[in-house]
PDB file of N, CA and C in Angstrom:
ATOM      1  N   MET A   1      75.698-102.633 101.765  1.00  0.00           N
ATOM      2  CA  MET A   1      75.709-103.919 100.630  1.00  0.00           C
ATOM      3  C   MET A   1      75.142-103.940  99.265  1.00  0.00           C
ATOM      4  N   LEU A   2      73.722-103.110  99.876  1.00  0.00           N
ATOM      5  CA  LEU A   2      72.584-103.303  98.223  1.00  0.00           C
ATOM      6  C   LEU A   2      72.915-102.294  97.396  1.00  0.00           C
ATOM      7  N   ALA A   3      73.890-100.911  97.641  1.00  0.00           N
ATOM      8  CA  ALA A   3      74.330-100.535  96.594  1.00  0.00           C
ATOM      9  C   ALA A   3      75.395-100.239  95.932  1.00  0.00           C
ATOM     10  N   LEU A   4      76.149-101.756  96.319  1.00  0.00           N
ATOM     11  CA  LEU A   4      77.575-101.978  95.467  1.00  0.00           C
ATOM     12  C   LEU A   4      77.242-102.261  94.344  1.00  0.00           C
ATOM     13  N   ASN A   5      78.141-101.779  93.722  1.00  0.00           N
ATOM     14  CA  ASN A   5      78.759-102.172  91.935  1.00  0.00           C
ATOM     15  C   ASN A   5      80.004-102.651  91.695  1.00  0.00           C
ATOM     16  N   TRP A   6      79.790-102.978  90.774  1.00  0.00           N
ATOM     17  CA  TRP A   6      81.522-103.984  90.524  1.00  0.00           C
ATOM     18  C   TRP A   6      82.274-103.123  90.649  1.00  0.00           C
ATOM     19  N   ALA A   7      82.071-102.063  90.415  1.00  0.00           N
ATOM     20  CA  ALA A   7      83.213-101.028  90.476  1.00  0.00           C
ATOM     21  C   ALA A   7      83.844-100.521  91.810  1.00  0.00           C
ATOM     22  N   ASP A   8      83.416-100.866  92.698  1.00  0.00           N
ATOM     23  CA  ASP A   8      83.604-101.007  94.166  1.00  0.00           C
ATOM     24  C   ASP A   8      84.540-102.166  94.763  1.00  0.00           C
ATOM     25  N   ILE A   9      84.420-103.436  94.019  1.00  0.00           N
ATOM     26  CA  ILE A   9      85.618-104.104  94.261  1.00  0.00           C
ATOM     27  C   ILE A   9      86.401-104.262  93.480  1.00  0.00           C
ATOM     28  N   ASP A  10      87.942-104.362  94.160  1.00  0.00           N
ATOM     29  CA  ASP A  10      89.392-104.615  93.447  1.00  0.00           C
ATOM     30  C   ASP A  10      89.395-105.698  94.071  1.00  0.00           C
ATOM     31  N   PHE A  11      89.481-106.682  92.839  1.00  0.00           N
ATOM     32  CA  PHE A  11      89.553-108.586  92.912  1.00  0.00           C
ATOM     33  C   PHE A  11      91.293-108.167  93.506  1.00  0.00           C
ATOM     34  N   GLU A  12      92.126-107.718  92.643  1.00  0.00           N
ATOM     35  CA  GLU A  12      93.336-107.831  92.995  1.00  0.00           C
ATOM     36  C   GLU A  12      94.050-107.235  94.393  1.00  0.00           C
ATOM     37  N   LYS A  13      93.608-106.653  94.569  1.00  0.00           N
ATOM     38  CA  LYS A  13      93.677-105.950  96.555  1.00  0.00           C
ATOM     39  C   LYS A  13      93.022-106.636  97.191  1.00  0.00           C
ATOM     40  N   ARG A  14      92.016-107.333  96.609  1.00  0.00           N
ATOM     41  CA  ARG A  14      90.988-107.936  97.920  1.00  0.00           C
ATOM     42  C   ARG A  14      89.981-106.831  98.716  1.00  0.00           C
ATOM     43  N   THR A  15      89.710-106.045  98.277  1.00  0.00           N
ATOM     44  CA  THR A  15      88.724-104.802  98.603  1.00  0.00           C
ATOM     45  C   THR A  15      87.509-104.870  98.263  1.00  0.00           C
ATOM     46  N   VAL A  16      87.066-104.016  99.276  1.00  0.00           N
ATOM     47  CA  VAL A  16      85.605-103.262  98.635  1.00  0.00           C
ATOM     48  C   VAL A  16      85.480-102.196  99.353  1.00  0.00           C
ATOM     49  N   THR A  17      85.165-100.956  98.575  1.00  0.00           N
ATOM     50  CA  THR A  17      84.847 -99.444  98.548  1.00  0.00           C
ATOM     51  C   THR A  17      83.713 -99.375  98.801  1.00  0.00           C
ATOM     52  N   ILE A  18      83.149 -98.765 100.374  1.00  0.00           N
ATOM     53  CA  ILE A  18      81.728 -98.842 100.338  1.00  0.00           C
ATOM     54  C   ILE A  18      81.630 -97.142 100.314  1.00  0.00           C
ATOM     55  N   SER A  19      80.744 -96.471  99.618  1.00  0.00           N
ATOM     56  CA  SER A  19      80.917 -95.367  99.042  1.00  0.00           C
ATOM     57  C   SER A  19      79.508 -94.473  99.211  1.00  0.00           C
ATOM     58  N   LYS A  20      78.601 -95.833  99.467  1.00  0.00           N
ATOM     59  CA  LYS A  20      77.032 -95.108  99.239  1.00  0.00           C
ATOM     60  C   LYS A  20      76.222 -96.559 100.188  1.00  0.00           C
ATOM     61  N   ALA A  21      74.846 -96.156  99.821  1.00  0.00           N
ATOM     62  CA  ALA A  21      74.230 -97.097 100.223  1.00  0.00           C
ATOM     63  C   ALA A  21      72.518 -97.221  99.947  1.00  0.00           C
ATOM     64  N   MET A  22      71.798 -97.725 100.394  1.00  0.00           N
ATOM     65  CA  MET A  22      70.507 -97.806  99.775  1.00  0.00           C
ATOM     66  C   MET A  22      69.384 -97.060 100.965  1.00  0.00           C
ATOM     67  N   CYS A  23      68.479 -97.011 100.643  1.00  0.00           N
ATOM     68  CA  CYS A  23      67.499 -95.948 101.527  1.00  0.00           C
ATOM     69  C   CYS A  23      66.539 -96.264 100.742  1.00  0.00           C
ATOM     70  N   GLN A  24      65.234 -96.312 102.078  1.00  0.00           N
ATOM     71  CA  GLN A  24      64.362 -96.524 101.420  1.00  0.00           C
ATOM     72  C   GLN A  24      63.065 -96.170 102.562  1.00  0.00           C
ATOM     73  N   LEU A  25      62.456 -94.503 102.017  1.00  0.00           N
ATOM     74  CA  LEU A  25      61.620 -93.996 102.870  1.00  0.00           C
ATOM     75  C   LEU A  25      60.074 -94.564 102.567  1.00  0.00           C
ATOM     76  N   THR A  26      59.462 -94.670 103.769  1.00  0.00           N
ATOM     77  CA  THR A  26      58.222 -95.339 103.932  1.00  0.00           C
ATOM     78  C   THR A  26      57.290 -94.643 102.868  1.00  0.00           C
ATOM     79  N   GLY A  27      56.834 -95.408 102.574  1.00  0.00           N
ATOM     80  CA  GLY A  27      55.857 -95.190 100.887  1.00  0.00           C
ATOM     81  C   GLY A  27      56.413 -95.140  99.876  1.00  0.00           C
ATOM     82  N   GLN A  28      58.218 -95.002  99.373  1.00  0.00           N
ATOM     83  CA  GLN A  28      58.848 -94.787  98.704  1.00  0.00           C
ATOM     84  C   GLN A  28      59.749 -95.489  98.078  1.00  0.00           C
ATOM     85  N   GLN A  29      60.155 -95.536  96.854  1.00  0.00           N
ATOM     86  CA  GLN A  29      60.777 -96.452  96.355  1.00  0.00           C
ATOM     87  C   GLN A  29      62.223 -96.135  96.603  1.00  0.00           C
ATOM     88  N   PRO A  30      62.891 -97.553  96.705  1.00  0.00           N
ATOM     89  CA  PRO A  30      64.162 -97.247  97.317  1.00  0.00           C
ATOM     90  C   PRO A  30      65.242 -96.687  96.745  1.00  0.00           C
ATOM     91  N   PHE A  31      66.321 -95.717  97.072  1.00  0.00           N
ATOM     92  CA  PHE A  31      67.220 -95.083  96.081  1.00  0.00           C
ATOM     93  C   PHE A  31      68.771 -95.381  96.689  1.00  0.00           C
ATOM     94  N   VAL A  32      69.739 -95.048  95.662  1.00  0.00           N
ATOM     95  CA  VAL A  32      71.235 -95.011  96.070  1.00  0.00           C
ATOM     96  C   VAL A  32      71.138 -93.863  97.028  1.00  0.00           C
ATOM     97  N   LYS A  33      71.996 -93.313  97.800  1.00  0.00           N
ATOM     98  CA  LYS A  33      72.199 -92.090  98.582  1.00  0.00           C
ATOM     99  C   LYS A  33      73.854 -92.250  98.752  1.00  0.00           C
ATOM    100  N   GLY A  34      74.330 -91.291  99.730  1.00  0.00           N
ATOM    101  CA  GLY A  34      75.331 -91.302  99.830  1.00  0.00           C
ATOM    102  C   GLY A  34      75.568 -92.167 101.288  1.00  0.00           C
ATOM    103  N   THR A  35      76.851 -92.058 101.566  1.00  0.00           N
ATOM    104  CA  THR A  35      76.963 -92.777 103.199  1.00  0.00           C
ATOM    105  C   THR A  35      76.692 -91.619 104.566  1.00  0.00           C
ATOM    106  N   LYS A  36      76.196 -92.447 105.201  1.00  0.00           N
ATOM    107  CA  LYS A  36      75.592 -91.828 106.953  1.00  0.00           C
ATOM    108  C   LYS A  36      76.417 -90.489 106.543  1.00  0.00           C
ATOM    109  N   THR A  37      77.756 -91.132 106.845  1.00  0.00           N
ATOM    110  CA  THR A  37      78.509 -89.843 107.210  1.00  0.00           C
ATOM    111  C   THR A  37      79.007 -89.068 106.236  1.00  0.00           C
ATOM    112  N   GLY A  38      78.463 -89.659 104.891  1.00  0.00           N
ATOM    113  CA  GLY A  38      79.367 -88.455 103.767  1.00  0.00           C
ATOM    114  C   GLY A  38      80.716 -89.509 103.201  1.00  0.00           C
ATOM    115  N   THR A  39      81.320 -90.336 103.681  1.00  0.00           N
ATOM    116  CA  THR A  39      82.948 -90.855 104.123  1.00  0.00           C
ATOM    117  C   THR A  39      82.508 -91.949 103.168  1.00  0.00           C
ATOM    118  N   GLN A  40      83.501 -92.365 102.399  1.00  0.00           N
ATOM    119  CA  GLN A  40      83.836 -94.094 102.309  1.00  0.00           C
ATOM    120  C   GLN A  40      84.619 -94.387 102.729  1.00  0.00           C
ATOM    121  N   ARG A  41      84.885 -95.903 102.374  1.00  0.00           N
ATOM    122  CA  ARG A  41      85.834 -96.215 103.621  1.00  0.00           C
ATOM    123  C   ARG A  41      85.726 -97.360 102.713  1.00  0.00           C
ATOM    124  N   THR A  42      87.364 -98.237 102.598  1.00  0.00           N
ATOM    125  CA  THR A  42      88.155 -99.325 101.959  1.00  0.00           C
ATOM    126  C   THR A  42      88.221-100.551 103.041  1.00  0.00           C
ATOM    127  N   VAL A  43      87.489-101.548 102.875  1.00  0.00           N
ATOM    128  CA  VAL A  43      87.538-102.696 103.532  1.00  0.00           C
ATOM    129  C   VAL A  43      88.534-104.214 102.650  1.00  0.00           C
ATOM    130  N   PRO A  44      89.161-104.619 103.506  1.00  0.00           N
ATOM    131  CA  PRO A  44      89.687-105.896 103.028  1.00  0.00           C
ATOM    132  C   PRO A  44      88.904-107.640 103.096  1.00  0.00           C
ATOM    133  N   LEU A  45      88.971-107.789 102.182  1.00  0.00           N
ATOM    134  CA  LEU A  45      87.598-108.967 101.738  1.00  0.00           C
ATOM    135  C   LEU A  45      88.321-109.715 101.953  1.00  0.00           C
ATOM    136  N   ALA A  46      88.074-111.123 102.864  1.00  0.00           N
ATOM    137  CA  ALA A  46      88.250-112.705 102.578  1.00  0.00           C
ATOM    138  C   ALA A  46      88.633-113.310 101.517  1.00  0.00           C
ATOM    139  N   GLN A  47      89.620-114.321 101.077  1.00  0.00           N
ATOM    140  CA  GLN A  47      89.844-114.912  99.556  1.00  0.00           C
ATOM    141  C   GLN A  47      88.454-115.325  99.558  1.00  0.00           C
ATOM    142  N   VAL A  48      87.770-115.740 100.332  1.00  0.00           N
ATOM    143  CA  VAL A  48      86.536-116.747 100.353  1.00  0.00           C
ATOM    144  C   VAL A  48      85.363-115.655  99.641  1.00  0.00           C
ATOM    145  N   ALA A  49      85.743-114.588 100.268  1.00  0.00           N
ATOM    146  CA  ALA A  49      84.451-113.260  99.332  1.00  0.00           C
ATOM    147  C   ALA A  49      84.947-112.685  98.133  1.00  0.00           C
ATOM    148  N   VAL A  50      86.051-112.706  98.237  1.00  0.00           N
ATOM    149  CA  VAL A  50      86.570-112.859  96.514  1.00  0.00           C
ATOM    150  C   VAL A  50      86.057-113.636  95.574  1.00  0.00           C
ATOM    151  N   ASP A  51      86.268-114.656  95.629  1.00  0.00           N
ATOM    152  CA  ASP A  51      85.770-115.674  95.269  1.00  0.00           C
ATOM    153  C   ASP A  51      84.384-116.173  95.006  1.00  0.00           C
ATOM    154  N   ALA A  52      83.712-116.165  96.138  1.00  0.00           N
ATOM    155  CA  ALA A  52      82.113-115.531  95.884  1.00  0.00           C
ATOM    156  C   ALA A  52      81.847-114.444  95.490  1.00  0.00           C
ATOM    157  N   PHE A  53      82.415-113.540  95.463  1.00  0.00           N
ATOM    158  CA  PHE A  53      82.038-112.376  94.433  1.00  0.00           C
ATOM    159  C   PHE A  53      82.265-113.066  92.809  1.00  0.00           C
ATOM    160  N   MET A  54      83.313-113.749  92.748  1.00  0.00           N
ATOM    161  CA  MET A  54      83.752-113.579  90.920  1.00  0.00           C
ATOM    162  C   MET A  54      83.016-114.604  90.483  1.00  0.00           C
ATOM    163  N   ARG A  55      81.982-115.288  91.577  1.00  0.00           N
ATOM    164  CA  ARG A  55      81.039-116.178  90.867  1.00  0.00           C
ATOM    165  C   ARG A  55      79.776-115.756  90.467  1.00  0.00           C
ATOM    166  N   LEU A  56      79.667-114.617  91.353  1.00  0.00           N
ATOM    167  CA  LEU A  56      78.549-113.923  91.381  1.00  0.00           C
ATOM    168  C   LEU A  56      78.508-112.890  90.096  1.00  0.00           C
ATOM    169  N   ARG A  57      79.689-112.674  89.654  1.00  0.00           N
ATOM    170  CA  ARG A  57      79.915-111.884  88.802  1.00  0.00           C
ATOM    171  C   ARG A  57      79.367-112.451  87.571  1.00  0.00           C
ATOM    172  N   LEU A  58      80.083-113.588  87.740  1.00  0.00           N
ATOM    173  CA  LEU A  58      79.748-114.495  86.395  1.00  0.00           C
ATOM    174  C   LEU A  58      78.282-114.505  86.233  1.00  0.00           C
ATOM    175  N   MET A  59      77.461-114.734  87.127  1.00  0.00           N
ATOM    176  CA  MET A  59      76.228-115.303  87.105  1.00  0.00           C
ATOM    177  C   MET A  59      75.294-113.982  86.496  1.00  0.00           C
ATOM    178  N   ARG A  60      76.000-112.836  87.402  1.00  0.00           N
ATOM    179  CA  ARG A  60      75.432-111.719  87.103  1.00  0.00           C
ATOM    180  C   ARG A  60      75.300-111.139  85.584  1.00  0.00           C
ATOM    181  N   SER A  61      76.447-111.594  84.859  1.00  0.00           N
ATOM    182  CA  SER A  61      76.492-111.063  83.167  1.00  0.00           C
ATOM    183  C   SER A  61      75.749-111.336  82.680  1.00  0.00           C
ATOM    184  N   ALA A  62      76.007-112.793  82.951  1.00  0.00           N
ATOM    185  CA  ALA A  62      74.662-113.399  81.804  1.00  0.00           C
ATOM    186  C   ALA A  62      73.376-112.907  82.136  1.00  0.00           C
ATOM    187  N   GLU A  63      72.619-112.636  83.966  1.00  0.00           N
ATOM    188  CA  GLU A  63      71.490-112.395  83.626  1.00  0.00           C
ATOM    189  C   GLU A  63      71.533-110.460  83.353  1.00  0.00           C
ATOM    190  N   ALA A  64      72.429-110.266  83.067  1.00  0.00           N
ATOM    191  CA  ALA A  64      72.468-108.496  82.670  1.00  0.00           C
ATOM    192  C   ALA A  64      72.549-108.325  81.492  1.00  0.00           C
ATOM    193  N   ALA A  65      72.972-109.657  80.520  1.00  0.00           N
ATOM    194  CA  ALA A  65      72.920-109.174  79.045  1.00  0.00           C
ATOM    195  C   ALA A  65      71.158-109.560  78.723  1.00  0.00           C
ATOM    196  N   ILE A  66      70.735-110.294  79.412  1.00  0.00           N
ATOM    197  CA  ILE A  66      69.213-110.539  79.375  1.00  0.00           C
ATOM    198  C   ILE A  66      68.252-109.464  79.606  1.00  0.00           C
ATOM    199  N   THR A  67      68.922-109.123  80.670  1.00  0.00           N
ATOM    200  CA  THR A  67      67.494-107.888  81.709  1.00  0.00           C
ATOM    201  C   THR A  67      68.127-106.630  80.763  1.00  0.00           C
ATOM    202  N   LYS A  68      68.974-106.438  80.614  1.00  0.00           N
ATOM    203  CA  LYS A  68      69.945-104.986  80.320  1.00  0.00           C
ATOM    204  C   LYS A  68      69.612-104.134  81.195  1.00  0.00           C
ATOM    205  N   ARG A  69      69.416-104.194  82.537  1.00  0.00           N
ATOM    206  CA  ARG A  69      69.224-103.627  83.262  1.00  0.00           C
ATOM    207  C   ARG A  69      70.564-103.704  84.755  1.00  0.00           C
ATOM    208  N   ASN A  70      70.543-102.316  85.490  1.00  0.00           N
ATOM    209  CA  ASN A  70      71.483-102.212  86.084  1.00  0.00           C
ATOM    210  C   ASN A  70      72.877-103.499  86.041  1.00  0.00           C
ATOM    211  N   PRO A  71      73.040-103.290  85.061  1.00  0.00           N
ATOM    212  CA  PRO A  71      74.704-104.319  84.875  1.00  0.00           C
ATOM    213  C   PRO A  71      75.601-103.833  85.603  1.00  0.00           C
ATOM    214  N   GLU A  72      75.733-102.767  86.682  1.00  0.00           N
ATOM    215  CA  GLU A  72      76.796-102.475  87.353  1.00  0.00           C
ATOM    216  C   GLU A  72      76.775-102.888  88.682  1.00  0.00           C
ATOM    217  N   ALA A  73      75.102-102.830  89.056  1.00  0.00           N
ATOM    218  CA  ALA A  73      74.704-103.379  90.129  1.00  0.00           C
ATOM    219  C   ALA A  73      75.331-104.631  90.854  1.00  0.00           C
ATOM    220  N   ILE A  74      75.866-104.962  91.972  1.00  0.00           N
ATOM    221  CA  ILE A  74      75.763-106.303  92.508  1.00  0.00           C
ATOM    222  C   ILE A  74      74.811-107.342  92.993  1.00  0.00           C
ATOM    223  N   PHE A  75      73.867-106.735  93.721  1.00  0.00           N
ATOM    224  CA  PHE A  75      72.912-107.634  94.395  1.00  0.00           C
ATOM    225  C   PHE A  75      71.684-106.995  93.805  1.00  0.00           C
ATOM    226  N   THR A  76      71.048-108.167  92.917  1.00  0.00           N
ATOM    227  CA  THR A  76      69.952-107.540  92.169  1.00  0.00           C
ATOM    228  C   THR A  76      68.795-108.764  91.918  1.00  0.00           C
ATOM    229  N   ASP A  77      67.492-108.345  91.376  1.00  0.00           N
ATOM    230  CA  ASP A  77      66.385-109.557  91.233  1.00  0.00           C
ATOM    231  C   ASP A  77      66.532-110.047  90.147  1.00  0.00           C
ATOM    232  N   LEU A  78      65.921-110.996  89.706  1.00  0.00           N
ATOM    233  CA  LEU A  78      65.604-111.356  88.965  1.00  0.00           C
ATOM    234  C   LEU A  78      64.887-110.872  87.908  1.00  0.00           C
ATOM    235  N   LEU A  79      65.172-109.552  87.720  1.00  0.00           N
ATOM    236  CA  LEU A  79      65.023-108.282  86.774  1.00  0.00           C
ATOM    237  C   LEU A  79      66.033-107.479  86.893  1.00  0.00           C
ATOM    238  N   GLY A  80      66.814-107.704  87.575  1.00  0.00           N
ATOM    239  CA  GLY A  80      67.823-106.727  87.427  1.00  0.00           C
ATOM    240  C   GLY A  80      67.653-105.750  88.271  1.00  0.00           C
ATOM    241  N   ASP A  81      67.098-105.492  88.710  1.00  0.00           N
ATOM    242  CA  ASP A  81      66.682-104.024  90.345  1.00  0.00           C
ATOM    243  C   ASP A  81      67.914-104.338  91.258  1.00  0.00           C
ATOM    244  N   ARG A  82      67.945-103.573  91.842  1.00  0.00           N
ATOM    245  CA  ARG A  82      68.505-103.883  93.454  1.00  0.00           C
ATOM    246  C   ARG A  82      67.679-104.002  94.073  1.00  0.00           C
ATOM    247  N   TYR A  83      67.653-104.630  95.147  1.00  0.00           N
ATOM    248  CA  TYR A  83      67.158-105.288  96.090  1.00  0.00           C
ATOM    249  C   TYR A  83      66.702-103.971  96.850  1.00  0.00           C
ATOM    250  N   SER A  84      65.549-103.951  97.646  1.00  0.00           N
ATOM    251  CA  SER A  84      65.161-103.061  98.209  1.00  0.00           C
ATOM    252  C   SER A  84      65.972-103.468 100.368  1.00  0.00           C
ATOM    253  N   PRO A  85      66.070-102.529 101.155  1.00  0.00           N
ATOM    254  CA  PRO A  85      66.506-102.761 101.888  1.00  0.00           C
ATOM    255  C   PRO A  85      65.014-103.978 103.199  1.00  0.00           C
ATOM    256  N   GLN A  86      64.288-103.669 102.291  1.00  0.00           N
ATOM    257  CA  GLN A  86      63.332-104.129 103.241  1.00  0.00           C
ATOM    258  C   GLN A  86      62.931-106.016 102.797  1.00  0.00           C
ATOM    259  N   ALA A  87      63.150-106.098 101.532  1.00  0.00           N
ATOM    260  CA  ALA A  87      63.405-107.175 100.892  1.00  0.00           C
ATOM    261  C   ALA A  87      64.547-107.966 101.641  1.00  0.00           C
ATOM    262  N   ALA A  88      65.534-107.590 101.656  1.00  0.00           N
ATOM    263  CA  ALA A  88      67.103-107.953 101.986  1.00  0.00           C
ATOM    264  C   ALA A  88      66.642-108.220 103.766  1.00  0.00           C
ATOM    265  N   THR A  89      65.852-106.913 104.338  1.00  0.00           N
ATOM    266  CA  THR A  89      65.678-107.649 105.901  1.00  0.00           C
ATOM    267  C   THR A  89      64.572-108.710 106.147  1.00  0.00           C
ATOM    268  N   THR A  90      63.254-108.963 105.142  1.00  0.00           N
ATOM    269  CA  THR A  90      62.776-109.979 105.498  1.00  0.00           C
ATOM    270  C   THR A  90      63.431-111.347 104.827  1.00  0.00           C
ATOM    271  N   ALA A  91      63.969-111.025 103.758  1.00  0.00           N
ATOM    272  CA  ALA A  91      64.806-112.657 103.041  1.00  0.00           C
ATOM    273  C   ALA A  91      65.402-112.723 104.431  1.00  0.00           C
ATOM    274  N   PHE A  92      66.376-112.056 104.702  1.00  0.00           N
ATOM    275  CA  PHE A  92      67.177-112.753 105.989  1.00  0.00           C
ATOM    276  C   PHE A  92      66.419-113.067 106.899  1.00  0.00           C
ATOM    277  N   GLY A  93      65.921-112.653 107.501  1.00  0.00           N
ATOM    278  CA  GLY A  93      64.833-112.991 108.843  1.00  0.00           C
ATOM    279  C   GLY A  93      64.273-113.966 108.327  1.00  0.00           C
ATOM    280  N   ASP A  94      64.109-114.798 107.157  1.00  0.00           N
ATOM    281  CA  ASP A  94      63.612-115.996 107.041  1.00  0.00           C
ATOM    282  C   ASP A  94      64.149-117.141 106.909  1.00  0.00           C
ATOM    283  N   ILE A  95      65.597-116.394 106.642  1.00  0.00           N
ATOM    284  CA  ILE A  95      66.540-117.302 106.618  1.00  0.00           C
ATOM    285  C   ILE A  95      66.968-118.104 107.766  1.00  0.00           C
ATOM    286  N   ALA A  96      67.493-117.121 108.781  1.00  0.00           N
ATOM    287  CA  ALA A  96      67.964-117.168 109.921  1.00  0.00           C
ATOM    288  C   ALA A  96      66.778-117.561 110.496  1.00  0.00           C
ATOM    289  N   ARG A  97      65.080-117.382 110.756  1.00  0.00           N
ATOM    290  CA  ARG A  97      64.467-118.255 111.562  1.00  0.00           C
ATOM    291  C   ARG A  97      64.696-119.734 111.152  1.00  0.00           C
ATOM    292  N   LYS A  98      64.559-120.123 110.040  1.00  0.00           N
ATOM    293  CA  LYS A  98      65.019-121.350 109.109  1.00  0.00           C
ATOM    294  C   LYS A  98      66.041-122.532 110.033  1.00  0.00           C
ATOM    295  N   ALA A  99      67.067-121.376 110.110  1.00  0.00           N
ATOM    296  CA  ALA A  99      68.739-121.878 110.241  1.00  0.00           C
ATOM    297  C   ALA A  99      68.436-122.224 112.510  1.00  0.00           C
ATOM    298  N   GLY A 100      67.599-121.297 112.401  1.00  0.00           N
ATOM    299  CA  GLY A 100      67.110-121.312 114.308  1.00  0.00           C
ATOM    300  C   GLY A 100      67.898-120.318 114.400  1.00  0.00           C
ATOM    301  N   LEU A 101      68.156-119.299 113.973  1.00  0.00           N
ATOM    302  CA  LEU A 101      68.606-118.158 114.670  1.00  0.00           C
ATOM    303  C   LEU A 101      67.797-116.899 114.402  1.00  0.00           C
ATOM    304  N   ALA A 102      66.721-117.078 115.151  1.00  0.00           N
ATOM    305  CA  ALA A 102      65.562-116.345 114.986  1.00  0.00           C
ATOM    306  C   ALA A 102      65.880-114.643 115.887  1.00  0.00           C
ATOM    307  N   SER A 103      66.716-115.047 116.397  1.00  0.00           N
ATOM    308  CA  SER A 103      67.065-113.276 117.149  1.00  0.00           C
ATOM    309  C   SER A 103      68.154-112.608 116.599  1.00  0.00           C
ATOM    310  N   THR A 104      68.562-113.178 115.482  1.00  0.00           N
ATOM    311  CA  THR A 104      69.785-112.448 114.786  1.00  0.00           C
ATOM    312  C   THR A 104      69.398-111.454 113.650  1.00  0.00           C
ATOM    313  N   ARG A 105      69.626-110.028 113.491  1.00  0.00           N
ATOM    314  CA  ARG A 105      69.064-109.309 112.754  1.00  0.00           C
ATOM    315  C   ARG A 105      70.259-109.114 111.987  1.00  0.00           C
ATOM    316  N   LEU A 106      69.375-109.008 110.150  1.00  0.00           N
ATOM    317  CA  LEU A 106      70.791-108.243 109.195  1.00  0.00           C
ATOM    318  C   LEU A 106      71.905-107.596 109.778  1.00  0.00           C
ATOM    319  N   HIS A 107      71.109-106.081 110.572  1.00  0.00           N
ATOM    320  CA  HIS A 107      71.908-105.423 110.631  1.00  0.00           C
ATOM    321  C   HIS A 107      72.974-105.617 112.058  1.00  0.00           C
ATOM    322  N   ASP A 108      73.093-106.866 112.142  1.00  0.00           N
ATOM    323  CA  ASP A 108      73.584-106.948 113.882  1.00  0.00           C
ATOM    324  C   ASP A 108      74.871-107.784 113.049  1.00  0.00           C
ATOM    325  N   LEU A 109      75.090-108.482 111.602  1.00  0.00           N
ATOM    326  CA  LEU A 109      76.201-108.783 110.712  1.00  0.00           C
ATOM    327  C   LEU A 109      77.489-108.168 110.572  1.00  0.00           C
ATOM    328  N   ARG A 110      76.393-106.526 110.463  1.00  0.00           N
ATOM    329  CA  ARG A 110      77.900-105.665 110.152  1.00  0.00           C
ATOM    330  C   ARG A 110      78.659-105.278 111.245  1.00  0.00           C
ATOM    331  N   HIS A 111      78.238-105.647 112.935  1.00  0.00           N
ATOM    332  CA  HIS A 111      79.291-105.584 113.265  1.00  0.00           C
ATOM    333  C   HIS A 111      80.228-107.150 113.390  1.00  0.00           C
ATOM    334  N   VAL A 112      79.668-108.068 112.948  1.00  0.00           N
ATOM    335  CA  VAL A 112      80.173-108.949 113.071  1.00  0.00           C
ATOM    336  C   VAL A 112      81.173-109.025 111.748  1.00  0.00           C
ATOM    337  N   GLY A 113      81.066-108.306 110.848  1.00  0.00           N
ATOM    338  CA  GLY A 113      81.936-108.591 109.558  1.00  0.00           C
ATOM    339  C   GLY A 113      83.231-107.807 110.250  1.00  0.00           C
ATOM    340  N   HIS A 114      83.261-106.682 110.612  1.00  0.00           N
ATOM    341  CA  HIS A 114      84.418-106.136 111.186  1.00  0.00           C
ATOM    342  C   HIS A 114      85.260-106.763 112.040  1.00  0.00           C
ATOM    343  N   LEU A 115      84.889-107.751 112.766  1.00  0.00           N
ATOM    344  CA  LEU A 115      85.859-108.615 113.645  1.00  0.00           C
ATOM    345  C   LEU A 115      86.631-109.882 113.068  1.00  0.00           C
ATOM    346  N   SER A 116      85.327-110.397 112.150  1.00  0.00           N
ATOM    347  CA  SER A 116      85.871-111.165 110.734  1.00  0.00           C
ATOM    348  C   SER A 116      87.186-110.606 109.852  1.00  0.00           C
ATOM    349  N   ALA A 117      86.942-109.438 109.472  1.00  0.00           N
ATOM    350  CA  ALA A 117      87.662-109.116 108.576  1.00  0.00           C
ATOM    351  C   ALA A 117      88.880-109.090 109.102  1.00  0.00           C
ATOM    352  N   CYS A 118      89.526-108.791 110.012  1.00  0.00           N
ATOM    353  CA  CYS A 118      90.211-108.771 111.344  1.00  0.00           C
ATOM    354  C   CYS A 118      91.170-109.920 111.138  1.00  0.00           C
ATOM    355  N   ARG A 119      90.438-111.643 111.505  1.00  0.00           N
ATOM    356  CA  ARG A 119      90.860-112.315 111.163  1.00  0.00           C
ATOM    357  C   ARG A 119      91.497-112.788 109.793  1.00  0.00           C
ATOM    358  N   TRP A 120      90.965-112.502 108.869  1.00  0.00           N
ATOM    359  CA  TRP A 120      91.796-112.921 107.291  1.00  0.00           C
ATOM    360  C   TRP A 120      92.293-112.113 106.900  1.00  0.00           C
TER     361      TRP A 120
END
């Protein structure tokens, strides 16, 4: 998700196309790379996700006008830089602990997402 760009979301068809990933090697800056398998897949989005992405796009448009950094990127920090995998993992861990879900890892959500998409 960290490598997603706005062009990857089709709001009319309610889909997102996954074709790249964020990678962070020890001691190096994060970078965008191809997927592990070198393929892309298109995943259906629930209407609630489409609505959330639309709201986020409005917010990001205003921020990108100020920072002028990575306007195509969906998930960025306040400076307009993409979140690193480590930053996302750390933030999720903090949120999960506060919610009483200390044993849930960010990576675990990718498996839940496949089941959720089937129900919508």
